[in-house]
Amino acid sequence: MANNKKKIKLTPQEEGYLSDLSRKKRYSRQPKKLGSLLSRLMARRGYGQVAAMENLQTAWQEVAGRLAQGSRVLKLEKNRLEIGVKSSVVMQELQFNRRRYLKQLTTKHNLNIDDLHFRIVPH
């Protein structure tokens, strides 16, 4: 059987264009996975930090019990959890139980916290 396909002659300019197209296809970027895009977006917008602060606040409320009503988590920096309290009376009570709270946060809630710091802040 004879091959009935005709070969088309291309100009050097057309050949260059085709080789550019084939090279672009070969080296084009692959689509990114949705999971990686979402994680980058969450990090950029700070949603991860909001969720982490909510988790810290929940853990703090469990540990502090009734005194959690007069306090809130402010920040976690360098393994030091800073708690804002509404009065000096609440702060004194929390400081009295500091070691127990710290132990519960690290063991029961699996948090990497070395110190608790209390500060009076307006609620």
Protein backbone atom coordinates (compact mmCIF):
# COMPACT_ATOMS: atom_id res chain seq x y z
CA MET A 1 0.00 0.00 0.00
CA ALA A 2 1.23 3.34 -0.89
CA ASN A 3 1.17 6.24 1.53
CA ASN A 4 -1.18 8.84 0.00
CA LYS A 5 -0.36 11.63 2.48
CA LYS A 6 1.02 14.75 0.93
CA LYS A 7 3.81 16.57 2.64
CA ILE A 8 3.37 20.28 2.96
CA LYS A 9 6.41 22.44 2.55
CA LEU A 10 6.80 25.07 5.20
CA THR A 11 8.73 28.28 5.01
CA PRO A 12 11.57 28.73 7.50
CA GLN A 13 9.44 31.30 9.34
CA GLU A 14 6.54 28.82 9.71
CA GLU A 15 8.91 26.08 10.90
CA GLY A 16 10.28 28.43 13.54
CA TYR A 17 6.77 29.28 14.67
CA LEU A 18 5.85 25.58 14.99
CA SER A 19 8.99 24.77 16.94
CA ASP A 20 8.22 27.69 19.32
CA LEU A 21 4.72 26.31 19.84
CA SER A 22 5.93 22.80 20.58
CA ARG A 23 8.55 24.13 23.01
CA LYS A 24 5.97 26.25 24.84
CA LYS A 25 3.70 23.24 25.24
CA ARG A 26 6.52 21.16 26.64
CA TYR A 27 7.64 23.75 29.18
CA SER A 28 4.30 25.26 30.13
CA ARG A 29 3.42 25.29 33.79
CA GLN A 30 1.12 22.63 35.11
CA PRO A 31 -2.05 23.73 36.87
CA LYS A 32 -1.60 24.11 40.61
CA LYS A 33 -3.41 21.83 43.02
CA LEU A 34 -6.41 23.38 44.70
CA GLY A 35 -5.16 22.44 48.16
CA SER A 36 -1.91 24.34 47.73
CA LEU A 37 -3.75 27.39 46.40
CA LEU A 38 -6.16 27.38 49.33
CA SER A 39 -3.39 27.03 51.91
CA ARG A 40 -1.49 29.94 50.35
CA LEU A 41 -4.65 32.05 50.31
CA MET A 42 -5.41 31.24 53.94
CA ALA A 43 -1.87 32.11 54.98
CA ARG A 44 -1.94 35.35 53.01
CA ARG A 45 -5.29 36.42 54.48
CA GLY A 46 -4.40 35.34 58.02
CA TYR A 47 -7.23 32.83 58.39
CA GLY A 48 -4.87 30.28 59.88
CA GLN A 49 -3.95 32.64 62.71
CA VAL A 50 -7.60 33.35 63.45
CA ALA A 51 -8.33 29.63 63.73
CA ALA A 52 -5.26 29.12 65.93
CA MET A 53 -6.34 31.94 68.26
CA GLU A 54 -9.82 30.44 68.51
CA ASN A 55 -8.29 27.09 69.46
CA LEU A 56 -6.13 28.78 72.10
CA GLN A 57 -9.14 30.63 73.49
CA THR A 58 -11.13 27.40 73.71
CA ALA A 59 -8.27 25.62 75.47
CA TRP A 60 -7.84 28.57 77.85
CA GLN A 61 -11.56 28.56 78.71
CA GLU A 62 -11.43 24.87 79.53
CA VAL A 63 -8.37 25.29 81.73
CA ALA A 64 -9.35 28.51 83.52
CA GLY A 65 -12.96 27.49 84.15
CA ARG A 66 -15.08 30.23 85.72
CA LEU A 67 -12.22 32.74 85.61
CA ALA A 68 -12.14 32.53 81.80
CA GLN A 69 -15.15 34.88 81.75
CA GLY A 70 -12.95 37.66 83.05
CA SER A 71 -10.05 36.93 80.72
CA ARG A 72 -9.16 36.34 77.08
CA VAL A 73 -6.17 35.18 75.05
CA LEU A 74 -4.27 38.12 73.57
CA LYS A 75 -1.37 36.45 71.77
CA LEU A 76 1.09 33.60 71.70
CA GLU A 77 4.65 34.69 71.04
CA LYS A 78 7.85 32.73 71.59
CA ASN A 79 6.01 30.02 73.55
CA ARG A 80 4.61 32.65 75.91
CA LEU A 81 0.83 32.89 76.13
CA GLU A 82 -0.40 36.37 77.01
CA ILE A 83 -3.78 36.60 78.70
CA GLY A 84 -5.75 39.81 79.07
CA VAL A 85 -7.74 40.13 82.29
CA LYS A 86 -10.44 42.63 83.23
CA SER A 87 -9.40 43.30 86.83
CA SER A 88 -6.54 42.96 89.26
CA VAL A 89 -8.62 40.56 91.37
CA VAL A 90 -8.99 38.15 88.44
CA MET A 91 -5.32 38.57 87.57
CA GLN A 92 -4.24 37.69 91.12
CA GLU A 93 -6.43 34.58 91.12
CA LEU A 94 -5.02 33.47 87.75
CA GLN A 95 -1.44 34.09 88.84
CA PHE A 96 -2.01 32.00 91.94
CA ASN A 97 -2.95 29.01 89.72
CA ARG A 98 -0.46 29.76 86.93
CA ARG A 99 1.52 26.51 87.22
CA ARG A 100 -1.59 24.34 87.19
CA TYR A 101 -2.91 26.17 84.09
CA LEU A 102 0.43 25.86 82.34
CA LYS A 103 0.64 22.15 83.06
CA GLN A 104 -2.90 21.52 81.78
CA LEU A 105 -2.31 23.53 78.61
CA THR A 106 0.86 21.63 77.78
CA THR A 107 -0.31 18.13 78.69
CA LYS A 108 -4.06 18.03 78.15
CA HIS A 109 -4.18 20.34 75.13
CA ASN A 110 -0.76 19.47 73.67
CA LEU A 111 0.34 23.12 73.38
CA ASN A 112 3.96 24.22 73.35
CA ILE A 113 3.79 26.95 76.02
CA ASP A 114 6.60 27.77 78.43
CA ASP A 115 5.07 30.71 80.28
CA LEU A 116 1.80 32.49 81.01
CA HIS A 117 1.72 36.26 81.24
CA PHE A 118 -1.31 38.17 82.56
CA ARG A 119 -2.08 41.78 81.74
CA ILE A 120 -5.01 44.02 82.63
CA VAL A 121 -6.89 45.14 79.53
CA PRO A 122 -10.30 46.76 79.08
CA HIS A 123 -12.93 44.33 77.88
